[in-house]
PDB file of N, CA and C in Angstrom:
ATOM      1  N   PRO A   1       0.813  -0.982  -0.094  1.00  0.00           N
ATOM      2  CA  PRO A   1      -0.072  -0.129   0.111  1.00  0.00           C
ATOM      3  C   PRO A   1       0.734   1.329   0.096  1.00  0.00           C
ATOM      4  N   ASP A   2       0.424   2.521  -0.583  1.00  0.00           N
ATOM      5  CA  ASP A   2       0.947   3.481  -0.473  1.00  0.00           C
ATOM      6  C   ASP A   2       1.144   4.104   0.928  1.00  0.00           C
ATOM      7  N   ALA A   3       1.972   5.044   1.289  1.00  0.00           N
ATOM      8  CA  ALA A   3       2.150   5.701   2.573  1.00  0.00           C
ATOM      9  C   ALA A   3       0.991   6.487   3.025  1.00  0.00           C
ATOM     10  N   GLY A   4       0.217   7.201   2.245  1.00  0.00           N
ATOM     11  CA  GLY A   4      -1.034   7.555   2.398  1.00  0.00           C
ATOM     12  C   GLY A   4      -2.165   6.870   3.109  1.00  0.00           C
ATOM     13  N   ALA A   5      -2.237   5.792   2.515  1.00  0.00           N
ATOM     14  CA  ALA A   5      -3.098   4.700   3.040  1.00  0.00           C
ATOM     15  C   ALA A   5      -3.043   4.047   3.915  1.00  0.00           C
ATOM     16  N   GLN A   6      -1.776   3.773   4.145  1.00  0.00           N
ATOM     17  CA  GLN A   6      -1.270   3.122   5.416  1.00  0.00           C
ATOM     18  C   GLN A   6      -1.411   4.052   6.651  1.00  0.00           C
ATOM     19  N   ALA A   7      -0.949   5.242   6.521  1.00  0.00           N
ATOM     20  CA  ALA A   7      -1.374   6.468   7.569  1.00  0.00           C
ATOM     21  C   ALA A   7      -2.708   6.381   8.095  1.00  0.00           C
ATOM     22  N   ASN A   8      -3.617   6.423   7.115  1.00  0.00           N
ATOM     23  CA  ASN A   8      -4.925   6.569   7.341  1.00  0.00           C
ATOM     24  C   ASN A   8      -5.413   5.412   8.425  1.00  0.00           C
ATOM     25  N   LEU A   9      -4.786   4.089   7.725  1.00  0.00           N
ATOM     26  CA  LEU A   9      -5.290   2.957   8.456  1.00  0.00           C
ATOM     27  C   LEU A   9      -4.763   2.928   9.996  1.00  0.00           C
ATOM     28  N   ILE A  10      -3.526   3.224   9.872  1.00  0.00           N
ATOM     29  CA  ILE A  10      -2.909   3.490  11.309  1.00  0.00           C
ATOM     30  C   ILE A  10      -3.804   4.411  12.222  1.00  0.00           C
ATOM     31  N   SER A  11      -3.964   5.638  11.496  1.00  0.00           N
ATOM     32  CA  SER A  11      -4.474   6.689  12.570  1.00  0.00           C
ATOM     33  C   SER A  11      -6.228   6.227  12.942  1.00  0.00           C
ATOM     34  N   ILE A  12      -6.760   5.507  12.092  1.00  0.00           N
ATOM     35  CA  ILE A  12      -8.187   5.248  12.446  1.00  0.00           C
ATOM     36  C   ILE A  12      -8.005   3.736  13.168  1.00  0.00           C
ATOM     37  N   ALA A  13      -7.203   3.158  13.383  1.00  0.00           N
ATOM     38  CA  ALA A  13      -6.575   2.000  14.440  1.00  0.00           C
ATOM     39  C   ALA A  13      -6.420   2.447  15.774  1.00  0.00           C
ATOM     40  N   ILE A  14      -5.744   3.503  15.694  1.00  0.00           N
ATOM     41  CA  ILE A  14      -5.283   4.216  16.958  1.00  0.00           C
ATOM     42  C   ILE A  14      -6.496   4.670  17.526  1.00  0.00           C
ATOM     43  N   VAL A  15      -7.248   5.381  16.968  1.00  0.00           N
ATOM     44  CA  VAL A  15      -8.464   6.188  17.452  1.00  0.00           C
ATOM     45  C   VAL A  15      -9.576   5.271  18.304  1.00  0.00           C
ATOM     46  N   VAL A  16      -9.729   4.354  17.329  1.00  0.00           N
ATOM     47  CA  VAL A  16     -10.721   3.087  17.603  1.00  0.00           C
ATOM     48  C   VAL A  16     -10.068   2.269  18.920  1.00  0.00           C
ATOM     49  N   LEU A  17      -8.731   1.629  18.649  1.00  0.00           N
ATOM     50  CA  LEU A  17      -8.022   1.212  19.787  1.00  0.00           C
ATOM     51  C   LEU A  17      -8.341   1.830  21.084  1.00  0.00           C
ATOM     52  N   GLY A  18      -8.097   3.195  21.099  1.00  0.00           N
ATOM     53  CA  GLY A  18      -7.950   4.238  22.234  1.00  0.00           C
ATOM     54  C   GLY A  18      -9.146   4.238  22.726  1.00  0.00           C
ATOM     55  N   GLY A  19     -10.543   3.772  22.432  1.00  0.00           N
ATOM     56  CA  GLY A  19     -11.775   3.980  22.875  1.00  0.00           C
ATOM     57  C   GLY A  19     -12.733   4.492  22.515  1.00  0.00           C
ATOM     58  N   THR A  20     -12.432   5.373  21.355  1.00  0.00           N
ATOM     59  CA  THR A  20     -13.315   6.407  20.790  1.00  0.00           C
ATOM     60  C   THR A  20     -14.310   5.589  20.111  1.00  0.00           C
ATOM     61  N   GLY A  21     -15.655   5.853  20.388  1.00  0.00           N
ATOM     62  CA  GLY A  21     -16.741   5.224  19.630  1.00  0.00           C
ATOM     63  C   GLY A  21     -16.746   5.506  18.285  1.00  0.00           C
ATOM     64  N   ILE A  22     -17.015   4.247  17.462  1.00  0.00           N
ATOM     65  CA  ILE A  22     -17.090   4.287  16.009  1.00  0.00           C
ATOM     66  C   ILE A  22     -18.122   5.255  15.668  1.00  0.00           C
ATOM     67  N   PHE A  23     -19.271   5.443  16.320  1.00  0.00           N
ATOM     68  CA  PHE A  23     -20.186   6.429  16.176  1.00  0.00           C
ATOM     69  C   PHE A  23     -20.028   7.843  16.837  1.00  0.00           C
ATOM     70  N   GLY A  24     -18.804   7.904  17.615  1.00  0.00           N
ATOM     71  CA  GLY A  24     -18.460   9.044  18.227  1.00  0.00           C
ATOM     72  C   GLY A  24     -19.245   9.093  19.710  1.00  0.00           C
ATOM     73  N   GLY A  25     -19.082  10.258  20.315  1.00  0.00           N
ATOM     74  CA  GLY A  25     -19.435  10.581  21.765  1.00  0.00           C
ATOM     75  C   GLY A  25     -18.724   9.951  22.842  1.00  0.00           C
ATOM     76  N   THR A  26     -17.706   9.241  22.662  1.00  0.00           N
ATOM     77  CA  THR A  26     -16.888   8.697  23.687  1.00  0.00           C
ATOM     78  C   THR A  26     -15.385   8.537  23.329  1.00  0.00           C
ATOM     79  N   GLY A  27     -14.550   8.582  24.132  1.00  0.00           N
ATOM     80  CA  GLY A  27     -13.235   8.609  24.171  1.00  0.00           C
ATOM     81  C   GLY A  27     -12.500   9.536  24.974  1.00  0.00           C
ATOM     82  N   SER A  28     -11.137   9.247  25.202  1.00  0.00           N
ATOM     83  CA  SER A  28     -10.094   9.981  25.923  1.00  0.00           C
ATOM     84  C   SER A  28      -9.039  10.106  25.320  1.00  0.00           C
ATOM     85  N   VAL A  29      -7.949  11.209  25.768  1.00  0.00           N
ATOM     86  CA  VAL A  29      -6.775  11.225  25.358  1.00  0.00           C
ATOM     87  C   VAL A  29      -5.704  10.411  25.855  1.00  0.00           C
ATOM     88  N   ILE A  30      -6.020   9.934  27.118  1.00  0.00           N
ATOM     89  CA  ILE A  30      -5.079   9.025  27.796  1.00  0.00           C
ATOM     90  C   ILE A  30      -5.333   7.577  26.817  1.00  0.00           C
ATOM     91  N   GLY A  31      -6.708   7.349  26.495  1.00  0.00           N
ATOM     92  CA  GLY A  31      -6.755   5.782  25.963  1.00  0.00           C
ATOM     93  C   GLY A  31      -6.110   6.069  24.377  1.00  0.00           C
ATOM     94  N   THR A  32      -6.389   7.149  23.816  1.00  0.00           N
ATOM     95  CA  THR A  32      -5.392   7.515  22.432  1.00  0.00           C
ATOM     96  C   THR A  32      -4.200   7.195  22.422  1.00  0.00           C
ATOM     97  N   ALA A  33      -3.434   7.750  23.557  1.00  0.00           N
ATOM     98  CA  ALA A  33      -2.013   7.920  23.844  1.00  0.00           C
ATOM     99  C   ALA A  33      -1.756   6.438  24.083  1.00  0.00           C
ATOM    100  N   MET A  34      -2.476   5.940  24.904  1.00  0.00           N
ATOM    101  CA  MET A  34      -2.008   4.368  25.171  1.00  0.00           C
ATOM    102  C   MET A  34      -1.969   3.574  23.900  1.00  0.00           C
ATOM    103  N   ALA A  35      -3.190   3.592  23.140  1.00  0.00           N
ATOM    104  CA  ALA A  35      -3.386   3.007  21.771  1.00  0.00           C
ATOM    105  C   ALA A  35      -1.917   3.575  20.921  1.00  0.00           C
ATOM    106  N   THR A  36      -1.703   4.686  20.904  1.00  0.00           N
ATOM    107  CA  THR A  36      -0.667   5.058  19.839  1.00  0.00           C
ATOM    108  C   THR A  36       0.590   4.256  20.406  1.00  0.00           C
ATOM    109  N   VAL A  37       1.157   4.021  21.625  1.00  0.00           N
ATOM    110  CA  VAL A  37       2.091   3.339  22.044  1.00  0.00           C
ATOM    111  C   VAL A  37       1.917   1.765  21.628  1.00  0.00           C
ATOM    112  N   VAL A  38       0.602   1.176  21.846  1.00  0.00           N
ATOM    113  CA  VAL A  38       0.484  -0.131  21.377  1.00  0.00           C
ATOM    114  C   VAL A  38       0.996  -0.344  19.815  1.00  0.00           C
ATOM    115  N   ILE A  39       0.226   0.394  19.133  1.00  0.00           N
ATOM    116  CA  ILE A  39       0.221   0.352  17.660  1.00  0.00           C
ATOM    117  C   ILE A  39       1.770   0.759  17.072  1.00  0.00           C
ATOM    118  N   ALA A  40       2.359   1.520  17.864  1.00  0.00           N
ATOM    119  CA  ALA A  40       3.904   1.843  17.311  1.00  0.00           C
ATOM    120  C   ALA A  40       4.729   0.822  17.905  1.00  0.00           C
ATOM    121  N   ILE A  41       4.538  -0.056  18.914  1.00  0.00           N
ATOM    122  CA  ILE A  41       5.433  -1.236  19.309  1.00  0.00           C
ATOM    123  C   ILE A  41       5.066  -2.236  18.120  1.00  0.00           C
ATOM    124  N   VAL A  42       3.768  -2.669  17.806  1.00  0.00           N
ATOM    125  CA  VAL A  42       3.258  -3.472  16.713  1.00  0.00           C
ATOM    126  C   VAL A  42       4.222  -3.274  15.597  1.00  0.00           C
ATOM    127  N   ASP A  43       3.838  -1.959  15.040  1.00  0.00           N
ATOM    128  CA  ASP A  43       4.618  -1.406  14.023  1.00  0.00           C
ATOM    129  C   ASP A  43       6.002  -1.403  13.827  1.00  0.00           C
ATOM    130  N   TYR A  44       6.629  -1.267  14.857  1.00  0.00           N
ATOM    131  CA  TYR A  44       8.052  -1.354  14.852  1.00  0.00           C
ATOM    132  C   TYR A  44       8.641  -2.773  14.956  1.00  0.00           C
ATOM    133  N   GLY A  45       7.886  -3.479  15.694  1.00  0.00           N
ATOM    134  CA  GLY A  45       8.159  -5.118  15.648  1.00  0.00           C
ATOM    135  C   GLY A  45       8.087  -5.602  14.382  1.00  0.00           C
ATOM    136  N   LEU A  46       7.119  -5.126  13.676  1.00  0.00           N
ATOM    137  CA  LEU A  46       6.863  -5.879  12.383  1.00  0.00           C
ATOM    138  C   LEU A  46       7.962  -5.342  11.298  1.00  0.00           C
ATOM    139  N   SER A  47       8.110  -4.206  11.356  1.00  0.00           N
ATOM    140  CA  SER A  47       9.221  -3.608  10.777  1.00  0.00           C
ATOM    141  C   SER A  47      10.530  -4.187  11.061  1.00  0.00           C
ATOM    142  N   TYR A  48      10.827  -4.147  12.254  1.00  0.00           N
ATOM    143  CA  TYR A  48      11.995  -4.906  12.710  1.00  0.00           C
ATOM    144  C   TYR A  48      12.528  -6.257  12.301  1.00  0.00           C
ATOM    145  N   ASN A  49      11.407  -7.173  12.244  1.00  0.00           N
ATOM    146  CA  ASN A  49      11.419  -8.441  11.457  1.00  0.00           C
ATOM    147  C   ASN A  49      11.094  -8.481  10.309  1.00  0.00           C
ATOM    148  N   ASP A  50      11.260  -7.329   9.500  1.00  0.00           N
ATOM    149  CA  ASP A  50      11.338  -7.397   7.974  1.00  0.00           C
ATOM    150  C   ASP A  50      10.057  -7.953   7.406  1.00  0.00           C
ATOM    151  N   PHE A  51       8.969  -7.637   8.010  1.00  0.00           N
ATOM    152  CA  PHE A  51       7.562  -8.066   7.400  1.00  0.00           C
ATOM    153  C   PHE A  51       7.433  -6.997   6.345  1.00  0.00           C
ATOM    154  N   ASN A  52       6.812  -7.544   5.167  1.00  0.00           N
ATOM    155  CA  ASN A  52       6.344  -7.186   4.048  1.00  0.00           C
ATOM    156  C   ASN A  52       5.228  -5.946   4.358  1.00  0.00           C
ATOM    157  N   PRO A  53       5.343  -4.859   3.879  1.00  0.00           N
ATOM    158  CA  PRO A  53       4.384  -3.501   4.352  1.00  0.00           C
ATOM    159  C   PRO A  53       2.836  -3.878   4.017  1.00  0.00           C
ATOM    160  N   ILE A  54       2.891  -4.874   3.035  1.00  0.00           N
ATOM    161  CA  ILE A  54       1.395  -5.320   2.808  1.00  0.00           C
ATOM    162  C   ILE A  54       0.809  -5.993   4.035  1.00  0.00           C
ATOM    163  N   TYR A  55       2.017  -6.841   4.310  1.00  0.00           N
ATOM    164  CA  TYR A  55       1.169  -7.780   5.699  1.00  0.00           C
ATOM    165  C   TYR A  55       1.338  -6.885   6.841  1.00  0.00           C
ATOM    166  N   GLN A  56       2.156  -5.817   7.119  1.00  0.00           N
ATOM    167  CA  GLN A  56       2.021  -5.031   8.118  1.00  0.00           C
ATOM    168  C   GLN A  56       0.828  -4.344   8.195  1.00  0.00           C
ATOM    169  N   ALA A  57       0.115  -3.740   6.969  1.00  0.00           N
ATOM    170  CA  ALA A  57      -1.242  -3.230   7.026  1.00  0.00           C
ATOM    171  C   ALA A  57      -2.168  -4.192   7.202  1.00  0.00           C
ATOM    172  N   GLY A  58      -2.044  -5.419   6.873  1.00  0.00           N
ATOM    173  CA  GLY A  58      -3.067  -6.624   7.148  1.00  0.00           C
ATOM    174  C   GLY A  58      -3.132  -6.662   8.521  1.00  0.00           C
ATOM    175  N   VAL A  59      -2.059  -6.706   9.444  1.00  0.00           N
ATOM    176  CA  VAL A  59      -1.937  -7.058  10.993  1.00  0.00           C
ATOM    177  C   VAL A  59      -2.658  -5.829  11.559  1.00  0.00           C
ATOM    178  N   ILE A  60      -2.397  -4.678  11.412  1.00  0.00           N
ATOM    179  CA  ILE A  60      -3.159  -3.352  11.777  1.00  0.00           C
ATOM    180  C   ILE A  60      -4.480  -3.596  11.237  1.00  0.00           C
ATOM    181  N   GLY A  61      -4.766  -3.821  10.145  1.00  0.00           N
ATOM    182  CA  GLY A  61      -6.165  -4.177   9.931  1.00  0.00           C
ATOM    183  C   GLY A  61      -7.060  -5.170  10.704  1.00  0.00           C
ATOM    184  N   THR A  62      -6.258  -6.195  10.977  1.00  0.00           N
ATOM    185  CA  THR A  62      -6.734  -7.101  11.752  1.00  0.00           C
ATOM    186  C   THR A  62      -6.931  -6.851  13.148  1.00  0.00           C
ATOM    187  N   ILE A  63      -6.028  -6.074  13.802  1.00  0.00           N
ATOM    188  CA  ILE A  63      -6.224  -5.701  15.068  1.00  0.00           C
ATOM    189  C   ILE A  63      -7.556  -4.499  15.087  1.00  0.00           C
ATOM    190  N   LEU A  64      -7.706  -3.925  14.040  1.00  0.00           N
ATOM    191  CA  LEU A  64      -8.712  -2.901  14.046  1.00  0.00           C
ATOM    192  C   LEU A  64     -10.143  -3.337  14.117  1.00  0.00           C
ATOM    193  N   ILE A  65     -10.129  -4.735  13.202  1.00  0.00           N
ATOM    194  CA  ILE A  65     -11.465  -5.606  13.013  1.00  0.00           C
ATOM    195  C   ILE A  65     -11.717  -5.959  14.509  1.00  0.00           C
ATOM    196  N   ALA A  66     -10.875  -6.624  14.887  1.00  0.00           N
ATOM    197  CA  ALA A  66     -10.770  -7.311  16.318  1.00  0.00           C
ATOM    198  C   ALA A  66     -11.096  -6.554  17.313  1.00  0.00           C
ATOM    199  N   VAL A  67     -10.996  -5.241  17.532  1.00  0.00           N
ATOM    200  CA  VAL A  67     -11.460  -4.258  18.347  1.00  0.00           C
ATOM    201  C   VAL A  67     -12.970  -4.002  18.125  1.00  0.00           C
ATOM    202  N   ILE A  68     -13.109  -3.747  16.834  1.00  0.00           N
ATOM    203  CA  ILE A  68     -14.594  -3.433  16.561  1.00  0.00           C
ATOM    204  C   ILE A  68     -15.543  -4.205  16.986  1.00  0.00           C
ATOM    205  N   LEU A  69     -15.075  -5.692  16.778  1.00  0.00           N
ATOM    206  CA  LEU A  69     -16.006  -6.823  16.903  1.00  0.00           C
ATOM    207  C   LEU A  69     -16.103  -7.007  18.260  1.00  0.00           C
ATOM    208  N   ILE A  70     -15.089  -6.601  19.129  1.00  0.00           N
ATOM    209  CA  ILE A  70     -15.173  -6.910  20.618  1.00  0.00           C
ATOM    210  C   ILE A  70     -15.832  -5.775  21.062  1.00  0.00           C
ATOM    211  N   GLU A  71     -15.704  -4.442  20.701  1.00  0.00           N
ATOM    212  CA  GLU A  71     -16.418  -3.203  21.123  1.00  0.00           C
ATOM    213  C   GLU A  71     -17.709  -3.355  21.214  1.00  0.00           C
ATOM    214  N   THR A  72     -18.428  -3.576  19.960  1.00  0.00           N
ATOM    215  CA  THR A  72     -19.728  -3.291  19.517  1.00  0.00           C
ATOM    216  C   THR A  72     -20.741  -3.995  20.706  1.00  0.00           C
ATOM    217  N   PRO A  73     -20.629  -5.402  20.634  1.00  0.00           N
ATOM    218  CA  PRO A  73     -21.277  -6.232  21.684  1.00  0.00           C
ATOM    219  C   PRO A  73     -21.241  -5.575  23.274  1.00  0.00           C
ATOM    220  N   PHE A  74     -20.153  -5.168  23.635  1.00  0.00           N
ATOM    221  CA  PHE A  74     -20.013  -4.480  24.956  1.00  0.00           C
ATOM    222  C   PHE A  74     -20.579  -3.033  24.940  1.00  0.00           C
ATOM    223  N   VAL A  75     -20.470  -2.268  24.016  1.00  0.00           N
ATOM    224  CA  VAL A  75     -21.252  -1.138  23.925  1.00  0.00           C
ATOM    225  C   VAL A  75     -22.655  -1.281  23.979  1.00  0.00           C
ATOM    226  N   ALA A  76     -23.290  -2.384  23.352  1.00  0.00           N
ATOM    227  CA  ALA A  76     -24.605  -2.762  23.237  1.00  0.00           C
ATOM    228  C   ALA A  76     -25.137  -3.168  24.599  1.00  0.00           C
ATOM    229  N   TRP A  77     -24.492  -4.034  25.388  1.00  0.00           N
ATOM    230  CA  TRP A  77     -24.558  -4.234  26.792  1.00  0.00           C
ATOM    231  C   TRP A  77     -24.806  -3.625  27.690  1.00  0.00           C
ATOM    232  N   ARG A  78     -23.608  -2.403  27.535  1.00  0.00           N
ATOM    233  CA  ARG A  78     -23.659  -1.140  28.499  1.00  0.00           C
ATOM    234  C   ARG A  78     -24.700  -0.457  28.142  1.00  0.00           C
ATOM    235  N   ALA A  79     -25.405  -0.356  27.403  1.00  0.00           N
ATOM    236  CA  ALA A  79     -26.536   0.622  26.919  1.00  0.00           C
ATOM    237  C   ALA A  79     -27.721  -0.006  27.868  1.00  0.00           C
ATOM    238  N   ARG A  80     -27.809  -1.290  27.855  1.00  0.00           N
ATOM    239  CA  ARG A  80     -28.826  -2.015  28.217  1.00  0.00           C
ATOM    240  C   ARG A  80     -28.946  -2.245  29.571  1.00  0.00           C
ATOM    241  N   ARG A  81     -27.837  -2.308  30.166  1.00  0.00           N
ATOM    242  CA  ARG A  81     -27.986  -2.578  31.537  1.00  0.00           C
ATOM    243  C   ARG A  81     -28.330  -1.405  32.303  1.00  0.00           C
ATOM    244  N   PRO A  82     -29.055  -1.712  33.581  1.00  0.00           N
ATOM    245  CA  PRO A  82     -29.903  -0.480  34.373  1.00  0.00           C
ATOM    246  C   PRO A  82     -28.873   0.172  35.235  1.00  0.00           C
ATOM    247  N   ARG A  83     -29.031   1.464  35.263  1.00  0.00           N
ATOM    248  CA  ARG A  83     -28.014   2.400  35.925  1.00  0.00           C
ATOM    249  C   ARG A  83     -28.636   2.344  37.160  1.00  0.00           C
ATOM    250  N   ALA A  84     -27.537   2.505  38.042  1.00  0.00           N
ATOM    251  CA  ALA A  84     -27.840   2.645  39.663  1.00  0.00           C
ATOM    252  C   ALA A  84     -27.683   3.805  40.198  1.00  0.00           C
TER     253      ALA A  84
END
C-alpha cells in the first residue's frame, strides 16, 4: 500500500483502539495515547522483523477489526444494563 493509505489505517486504528466510539461521543486522550504506544510497538516489531509492508497493513487491519468486533457487543450491553 502507499504511505497515505497506511497512515490513514494506522490513524483510524489508534483512535478506535484508544476507546473512541465508532459513532462518536466517547473517548479520551489517555486512551488514544496508550493506543498510539501499542500500535507503534506492533508496527516497529513488524518492521524490525522485515515483514512486508502489505502484511503490516494486514496486521493493523486485523487489530482494528478485532477491536470493533469486541467493542460493539460490549457497548450494546452497557447501554442495556440498568443504571444504579
